[in-house]
Amino acid sequence: EKTWFDAETKLQQAAITKHQAELNTV
């Protein structure tokens, strides 16, 4: 669970960083 959570968190944080401008627009 922790390994999966940590990996998923890392992926999501990277996606947020990559798409921050779009997220701000929304």
PDB file of all heavy atoms in Angstrom:
ATOM      1  N   GLU A   1       0.828  -1.211   0.000  1.00  0.00           N
ATOM      2  CA  GLU A   1       0.000   0.000   0.000  1.00  0.00           C
ATOM      3  C   GLU A   1       0.857   1.254   0.000  1.00  0.00           C
ATOM      4  O   GLU A   1       0.607   2.182  -0.768  1.00  0.00           O
ATOM      5  CB  GLU A   1      -0.963   0.035   1.191  1.00  0.00           C
ATOM      6  CG  GLU A   1      -2.110  -0.928   1.083  1.00  0.00           C
ATOM      7  CD  GLU A   1      -1.912  -2.161   1.956  1.00  0.00           C
ATOM      8  OE1 GLU A   1      -0.854  -2.259   2.620  1.00  0.00           O
ATOM      9  OE2 GLU A   1      -2.798  -3.007   1.967  1.00  0.00           O
ATOM     10  N   LYS A   2       1.875   1.304   0.853  1.00  0.00           N
ATOM     11  CA  LYS A   2       2.729   2.495   0.937  1.00  0.00           C
ATOM     12  C   LYS A   2       3.513   2.673  -0.356  1.00  0.00           C
ATOM     13  O   LYS A   2       3.621   3.791  -0.873  1.00  0.00           O
ATOM     14  CB  LYS A   2       3.676   2.411   2.130  1.00  0.00           C
ATOM     15  CG  LYS A   2       4.596   3.628   2.194  1.00  0.00           C
ATOM     16  CD  LYS A   2       5.180   3.847   3.539  1.00  0.00           C
ATOM     17  CE  LYS A   2       6.103   5.020   3.642  1.00  0.00           C
ATOM     18  NZ  LYS A   2       6.074   6.056   2.668  1.00  0.00           N
ATOM     19  N   THR A   3       4.055   1.590  -0.876  1.00  0.00           N
ATOM     20  CA  THR A   3       4.813   1.667  -2.126  1.00  0.00           C
ATOM     21  C   THR A   3       3.925   2.168  -3.255  1.00  0.00           C
ATOM     22  O   THR A   3       4.315   3.055  -4.032  1.00  0.00           O
ATOM     23  CB  THR A   3       5.397   0.284  -2.475  1.00  0.00           C
ATOM     24  OG1 THR A   3       6.230  -0.148  -1.395  1.00  0.00           O
ATOM     25  CG2 THR A   3       6.206   0.326  -3.757  1.00  0.00           C
ATOM     26  N   TRP A   4       2.717   1.617  -3.344  1.00  0.00           N
ATOM     27  CA  TRP A   4       1.779   2.017  -4.384  1.00  0.00           C
ATOM     28  C   TRP A   4       1.376   3.487  -4.208  1.00  0.00           C
ATOM     29  O   TRP A   4       1.370   4.256  -5.157  1.00  0.00           O
ATOM     30  CB  TRP A   4       0.548   1.122  -4.323  1.00  0.00           C
ATOM     31  CG  TRP A   4      -0.300   1.066  -5.557  1.00  0.00           C
ATOM     32  CD1 TRP A   4      -0.575   2.078  -6.427  1.00  0.00           C
ATOM     33  CD2 TRP A   4      -0.999  -0.069  -6.049  1.00  0.00           C
ATOM     34  NE1 TRP A   4      -1.407   1.650  -7.424  1.00  0.00           N
ATOM     35  CE2 TRP A   4      -1.688   0.330  -7.220  1.00  0.00           C
ATOM     36  CE3 TRP A   4      -1.129  -1.376  -5.601  1.00  0.00           C
ATOM     37  CZ2 TRP A   4      -2.480  -0.533  -7.947  1.00  0.00           C
ATOM     38  CZ3 TRP A   4      -1.922  -2.237  -6.343  1.00  0.00           C
ATOM     39  CH2 TRP A   4      -2.587  -1.822  -7.495  1.00  0.00           C
ATOM     40  N   PHE A   5       1.072   3.865  -2.975  1.00  0.00           N
ATOM     41  CA  PHE A   5       0.700   5.257  -2.665  1.00  0.00           C
ATOM     42  C   PHE A   5       1.827   6.218  -3.046  1.00  0.00           C
ATOM     43  O   PHE A   5       1.593   7.248  -3.693  1.00  0.00           O
ATOM     44  CB  PHE A   5       0.366   5.394  -1.178  1.00  0.00           C
ATOM     45  CG  PHE A   5       0.063   6.808  -0.761  1.00  0.00           C
ATOM     46  CD1 PHE A   5      -1.202   7.339  -0.931  1.00  0.00           C
ATOM     47  CD2 PHE A   5       1.057   7.602  -0.202  1.00  0.00           C
ATOM     48  CE1 PHE A   5      -1.475   8.656  -0.555  1.00  0.00           C
ATOM     49  CE2 PHE A   5       0.789   8.914   0.170  1.00  0.00           C
ATOM     50  CZ  PHE A   5      -0.478   9.440  -0.006  1.00  0.00           C
ATOM     51  N   ASP A   6       3.050   5.886  -2.638  1.00  0.00           N
ATOM     52  CA  ASP A   6       4.187   6.761  -2.930  1.00  0.00           C
ATOM     53  C   ASP A   6       4.406   6.904  -4.436  1.00  0.00           C
ATOM     54  O   ASP A   6       4.661   8.012  -4.929  1.00  0.00           O
ATOM     55  CB  ASP A   6       5.463   6.233  -2.260  1.00  0.00           C
ATOM     56  CG  ASP A   6       5.437   6.363  -0.746  1.00  0.00           C
ATOM     57  OD1 ASP A   6       4.576   7.092  -0.202  1.00  0.00           O
ATOM     58  OD2 ASP A   6       6.284   5.708  -0.088  1.00  0.00           O
ATOM     59  N   ALA A   7       4.293   5.796  -5.160  1.00  0.00           N
ATOM     60  CA  ALA A   7       4.479   5.845  -6.617  1.00  0.00           C
ATOM     61  C   ALA A   7       3.374   6.662  -7.276  1.00  0.00           C
ATOM     62  O   ALA A   7       3.638   7.500  -8.154  1.00  0.00           O
ATOM     63  CB  ALA A   7       4.518   4.427  -7.182  1.00  0.00           C
ATOM     64  N   GLU A   8       2.143   6.441  -6.856  1.00  0.00           N
ATOM     65  CA  GLU A   8       1.008   7.178  -7.425  1.00  0.00           C
ATOM     66  C   GLU A   8       1.116   8.671  -7.111  1.00  0.00           C
ATOM     67  O   GLU A   8       0.855   9.523  -7.972  1.00  0.00           O
ATOM     68  CB  GLU A   8      -0.308   6.611  -6.885  1.00  0.00           C
ATOM     69  CG  GLU A   8      -1.541   7.218  -7.500  1.00  0.00           C
ATOM     70  CD  GLU A   8      -1.723   6.917  -8.977  1.00  0.00           C
ATOM     71  OE1 GLU A   8      -1.236   5.876  -9.447  1.00  0.00           O
ATOM     72  OE2 GLU A   8      -2.355   7.748  -9.668  1.00  0.00           O
ATOM     73  N   THR A   9       1.526   9.003  -5.898  1.00  0.00           N
ATOM     74  CA  THR A   9       1.705  10.402  -5.511  1.00  0.00           C
ATOM     75  C   THR A   9       2.754  11.074  -6.387  1.00  0.00           C
ATOM     76  O   THR A   9       2.555  12.200  -6.861  1.00  0.00           O
ATOM     77  CB  THR A   9       2.106  10.503  -4.026  1.00  0.00           C
ATOM     78  OG1 THR A   9       1.049   9.952  -3.239  1.00  0.00           O
ATOM     79  CG2 THR A   9       2.356  11.934  -3.607  1.00  0.00           C
ATOM     80  N   LYS A  10       3.849  10.383  -6.626  1.00  0.00           N
ATOM     81  CA  LYS A  10       4.916  10.929  -7.471  1.00  0.00           C
ATOM     82  C   LYS A  10       4.411  11.194  -8.888  1.00  0.00           C
ATOM     83  O   LYS A  10       4.686  12.255  -9.470  1.00  0.00           O
ATOM     84  CB  LYS A  10       6.101   9.958  -7.489  1.00  0.00           C
ATOM     85  CG  LYS A  10       7.322  10.484  -8.170  1.00  0.00           C
ATOM     86  CD  LYS A  10       8.482   9.505  -8.023  1.00  0.00           C
ATOM     87  CE  LYS A  10       9.738  10.049  -8.684  1.00  0.00           C
ATOM     88  NZ  LYS A  10      10.871   9.141  -8.530  1.00  0.00           N
ATOM     89  N   LEU A  11       3.651  10.257  -9.439  1.00  0.00           N
ATOM     90  CA  LEU A  11       3.093  10.427 -10.781  1.00  0.00           C
ATOM     91  C   LEU A  11       2.120  11.605 -10.829  1.00  0.00           C
ATOM     92  O   LEU A  11       2.144  12.416 -11.767  1.00  0.00           O
ATOM     93  CB  LEU A  11       2.386   9.151 -11.236  1.00  0.00           C
ATOM     94  CG  LEU A  11       3.277   7.947 -11.513  1.00  0.00           C
ATOM     95  CD1 LEU A  11       2.419   6.697 -11.710  1.00  0.00           C
ATOM     96  CD2 LEU A  11       4.158   8.195 -12.722  1.00  0.00           C
ATOM     97  N   GLN A  12       1.260  11.698  -9.816  1.00  0.00           N
ATOM     98  CA  GLN A  12       0.278  12.776  -9.794  1.00  0.00           C
ATOM     99  C   GLN A  12       0.934  14.139  -9.609  1.00  0.00           C
ATOM    100  O   GLN A  12       0.533  15.116 -10.250  1.00  0.00           O
ATOM    101  CB  GLN A  12      -0.759  12.518  -8.700  1.00  0.00           C
ATOM    102  CG  GLN A  12      -1.682  11.370  -9.044  1.00  0.00           C
ATOM    103  CD  GLN A  12      -2.740  11.139  -7.978  1.00  0.00           C
ATOM    104  OE1 GLN A  12      -3.019  12.006  -7.167  1.00  0.00           O
ATOM    105  NE2 GLN A  12      -3.341   9.963  -7.991  1.00  0.00           N
ATOM    106  N   GLN A  13       1.935  14.220  -8.751  1.00  0.00           N
ATOM    107  CA  GLN A  13       2.635  15.492  -8.547  1.00  0.00           C
ATOM    108  C   GLN A  13       3.318  15.940  -9.835  1.00  0.00           C
ATOM    109  O   GLN A  13       3.302  17.126 -10.177  1.00  0.00           O
ATOM    110  CB  GLN A  13       3.655  15.380  -7.401  1.00  0.00           C
ATOM    111  CG  GLN A  13       3.035  15.249  -6.033  1.00  0.00           C
ATOM    112  CD  GLN A  13       2.223  16.475  -5.635  1.00  0.00           C
ATOM    113  OE1 GLN A  13       2.466  17.588  -6.075  1.00  0.00           O
ATOM    114  NE2 GLN A  13       1.240  16.273  -4.780  1.00  0.00           N
ATOM    115  N   ALA A  14       3.900  14.995 -10.567  1.00  0.00           N
ATOM    116  CA  ALA A  14       4.540  15.325 -11.840  1.00  0.00           C
ATOM    117  C   ALA A  14       3.505  15.832 -12.841  1.00  0.00           C
ATOM    118  O   ALA A  14       3.749  16.810 -13.562  1.00  0.00           O
ATOM    119  CB  ALA A  14       5.285  14.117 -12.396  1.00  0.00           C
ATOM    120  N   ALA A  15       2.343  15.196 -12.882  1.00  0.00           N
ATOM    121  CA  ALA A  15       1.284  15.620 -13.802  1.00  0.00           C
ATOM    122  C   ALA A  15       0.763  17.002 -13.424  1.00  0.00           C
ATOM    123  O   ALA A  15       0.498  17.837 -14.302  1.00  0.00           O
ATOM    124  CB  ALA A  15       0.148  14.603 -13.807  1.00  0.00           C
ATOM    125  N   ILE A  16       0.616  17.257 -12.132  1.00  0.00           N
ATOM    126  CA  ILE A  16       0.165  18.578 -11.671  1.00  0.00           C
ATOM    127  C   ILE A  16       1.175  19.645 -12.085  1.00  0.00           C
ATOM    128  O   ILE A  16       0.800  20.695 -12.614  1.00  0.00           O
ATOM    129  CB  ILE A  16      -0.051  18.584 -10.143  1.00  0.00           C
ATOM    130  CG1 ILE A  16      -1.279  17.750  -9.786  1.00  0.00           C
ATOM    131  CG2 ILE A  16      -0.178  20.009  -9.608  1.00  0.00           C
ATOM    132  CD1 ILE A  16      -1.410  17.437  -8.305  1.00  0.00           C
ATOM    133  N   THR A  17       2.445  19.379 -11.860  1.00  0.00           N
ATOM    134  CA  THR A  17       3.488  20.334 -12.229  1.00  0.00           C
ATOM    135  C   THR A  17       3.469  20.594 -13.737  1.00  0.00           C
ATOM    136  O   THR A  17       3.526  21.747 -14.178  1.00  0.00           O
ATOM    137  CB  THR A  17       4.872  19.814 -11.794  1.00  0.00           C
ATOM    138  OG1 THR A  17       4.882  19.676 -10.365  1.00  0.00           O
ATOM    139  CG2 THR A  17       5.983  20.747 -12.216  1.00  0.00           C
ATOM    140  N   LYS A  18       3.361  19.538 -14.511  1.00  0.00           N
ATOM    141  CA  LYS A  18       3.361  19.659 -15.971  1.00  0.00           C
ATOM    142  C   LYS A  18       2.162  20.462 -16.480  1.00  0.00           C
ATOM    143  O   LYS A  18       2.266  21.201 -17.453  1.00  0.00           O
ATOM    144  CB  LYS A  18       3.360  18.265 -16.604  1.00  0.00           C
ATOM    145  CG  LYS A  18       3.382  18.266 -18.110  1.00  0.00           C
ATOM    146  CD  LYS A  18       3.432  16.859 -18.664  1.00  0.00           C
ATOM    147  CE  LYS A  18       3.418  16.877 -20.189  1.00  0.00           C
ATOM    148  NZ  LYS A  18       3.469  15.518 -20.737  1.00  0.00           N
ATOM    149  N   HIS A  19       1.026  20.317 -15.825  1.00  0.00           N
ATOM    150  CA  HIS A  19      -0.221  20.925 -16.302  1.00  0.00           C
ATOM    151  C   HIS A  19      -0.713  22.062 -15.397  1.00  0.00           C
ATOM    152  O   HIS A  19      -1.884  22.417 -15.446  1.00  0.00           O
ATOM    153  CB  HIS A  19      -1.302  19.853 -16.439  1.00  0.00           C
ATOM    154  CG  HIS A  19      -0.953  18.794 -17.432  1.00  0.00           C
ATOM    155  ND1 HIS A  19      -1.054  18.982 -18.784  1.00  0.00           N
ATOM    156  CD2 HIS A  19      -0.488  17.533 -17.261  1.00  0.00           C
ATOM    157  CE1 HIS A  19      -0.669  17.886 -19.411  1.00  0.00           C
ATOM    158  NE2 HIS A  19      -0.312  16.997 -18.512  1.00  0.00           N
ATOM    159  N   GLN A  20       0.178  22.639 -14.604  1.00  0.00           N
ATOM    160  CA  GLN A  20      -0.237  23.648 -13.629  1.00  0.00           C
ATOM    161  C   GLN A  20      -0.955  24.826 -14.284  1.00  0.00           C
ATOM    162  O   GLN A  20      -1.971  25.293 -13.770  1.00  0.00           O
ATOM    163  CB  GLN A  20       0.961  24.147 -12.815  1.00  0.00           C
ATOM    164  CG  GLN A  20       0.563  25.037 -11.652  1.00  0.00           C
ATOM    165  CD  GLN A  20      -0.260  24.290 -10.616  1.00  0.00           C
ATOM    166  OE1 GLN A  20       0.218  23.339 -10.016  1.00  0.00           O
ATOM    167  NE2 GLN A  20      -1.497  24.709 -10.402  1.00  0.00           N
ATOM    168  N   ALA A  21      -0.453  25.310 -15.388  1.00  0.00           N
ATOM    169  CA  ALA A  21      -1.088  26.461 -16.050  1.00  0.00           C
ATOM    170  C   ALA A  21      -2.520  26.121 -16.471  1.00  0.00           C
ATOM    171  O   ALA A  21      -3.438  26.918 -16.275  1.00  0.00           O
ATOM    172  CB  ALA A  21      -0.268  26.903 -17.258  1.00  0.00           C
ATOM    173  N   GLU A  22      -2.708  24.930 -17.024  1.00  0.00           N
ATOM    174  CA  GLU A  22      -4.057  24.510 -17.432  1.00  0.00           C
ATOM    175  C   GLU A  22      -4.978  24.380 -16.223  1.00  0.00           C
ATOM    176  O   GLU A  22      -6.153  24.776 -16.276  1.00  0.00           O
ATOM    177  CB  GLU A  22      -3.996  23.167 -18.163  1.00  0.00           C
ATOM    178  CG  GLU A  22      -3.208  23.210 -19.459  1.00  0.00           C
ATOM    179  CD  GLU A  22      -2.800  21.822 -19.900  1.00  0.00           C
ATOM    180  OE1 GLU A  22      -3.673  21.071 -20.388  1.00  0.00           O
ATOM    181  OE2 GLU A  22      -1.611  21.479 -19.736  1.00  0.00           O
ATOM    182  N   LEU A  23      -4.456  23.827 -15.147  1.00  0.00           N
ATOM    183  CA  LEU A  23      -5.250  23.675 -13.930  1.00  0.00           C
ATOM    184  C   LEU A  23      -5.631  25.041 -13.360  1.00  0.00           C
ATOM    185  O   LEU A  23      -6.761  25.222 -12.898  1.00  0.00           O
ATOM    186  CB  LEU A  23      -4.484  22.850 -12.895  1.00  0.00           C
ATOM    187  CG  LEU A  23      -4.248  21.386 -13.275  1.00  0.00           C
ATOM    188  CD1 LEU A  23      -3.230  20.741 -12.332  1.00  0.00           C
ATOM    189  CD2 LEU A  23      -5.546  20.603 -13.273  1.00  0.00           C
ATOM    190  N   ASN A  24      -4.704  25.987 -13.411  1.00  0.00           N
ATOM    191  CA  ASN A  24      -5.005  27.337 -12.937  1.00  0.00           C
ATOM    192  C   ASN A  24      -6.111  27.973 -13.776  1.00  0.00           C
ATOM    193  O   ASN A  24      -7.000  28.645 -13.232  1.00  0.00           O
ATOM    194  CB  ASN A  24      -3.756  28.212 -12.973  1.00  0.00           C
ATOM    195  CG  ASN A  24      -2.733  27.818 -11.926  1.00  0.00           C
ATOM    196  OD1 ASN A  24      -3.040  27.124 -10.971  1.00  0.00           O
ATOM    197  ND2 ASN A  24      -1.502  28.243 -12.128  1.00  0.00           N
ATOM    198  N   THR A  25      -6.067  27.753 -15.087  1.00  0.00           N
ATOM    199  CA  THR A  25      -7.100  28.293 -15.974  1.00  0.00           C
ATOM    200  C   THR A  25      -8.463  27.723 -15.617  1.00  0.00           C
ATOM    201  O   THR A  25      -9.453  28.456 -15.507  1.00  0.00           O
ATOM    202  CB  THR A  25      -6.762  27.990 -17.451  1.00  0.00           C
ATOM    203  OG1 THR A  25      -5.528  28.640 -17.771  1.00  0.00           O
ATOM    204  CG2 THR A  25      -7.845  28.473 -18.389  1.00  0.00           C
ATOM    205  N   VAL A  26      -8.530  26.422 -15.410  1.00  0.00           N
ATOM    206  CA  VAL A  26      -9.795  25.784 -15.052  1.00  0.00           C
ATOM    207  C   VAL A  26     -10.292  26.303 -13.707  1.00  0.00           C
ATOM    208  O   VAL A  26     -11.485  26.600 -13.545  1.00  0.00           O
ATOM    209  CB  VAL A  26      -9.648  24.241 -15.024  1.00  0.00           C
ATOM    210  CG1 VAL A  26     -10.876  23.577 -14.444  1.00  0.00           C
ATOM    211  CG2 VAL A  26      -9.365  23.713 -16.433  1.00  0.00           C
TER     212      VAL A  26
END
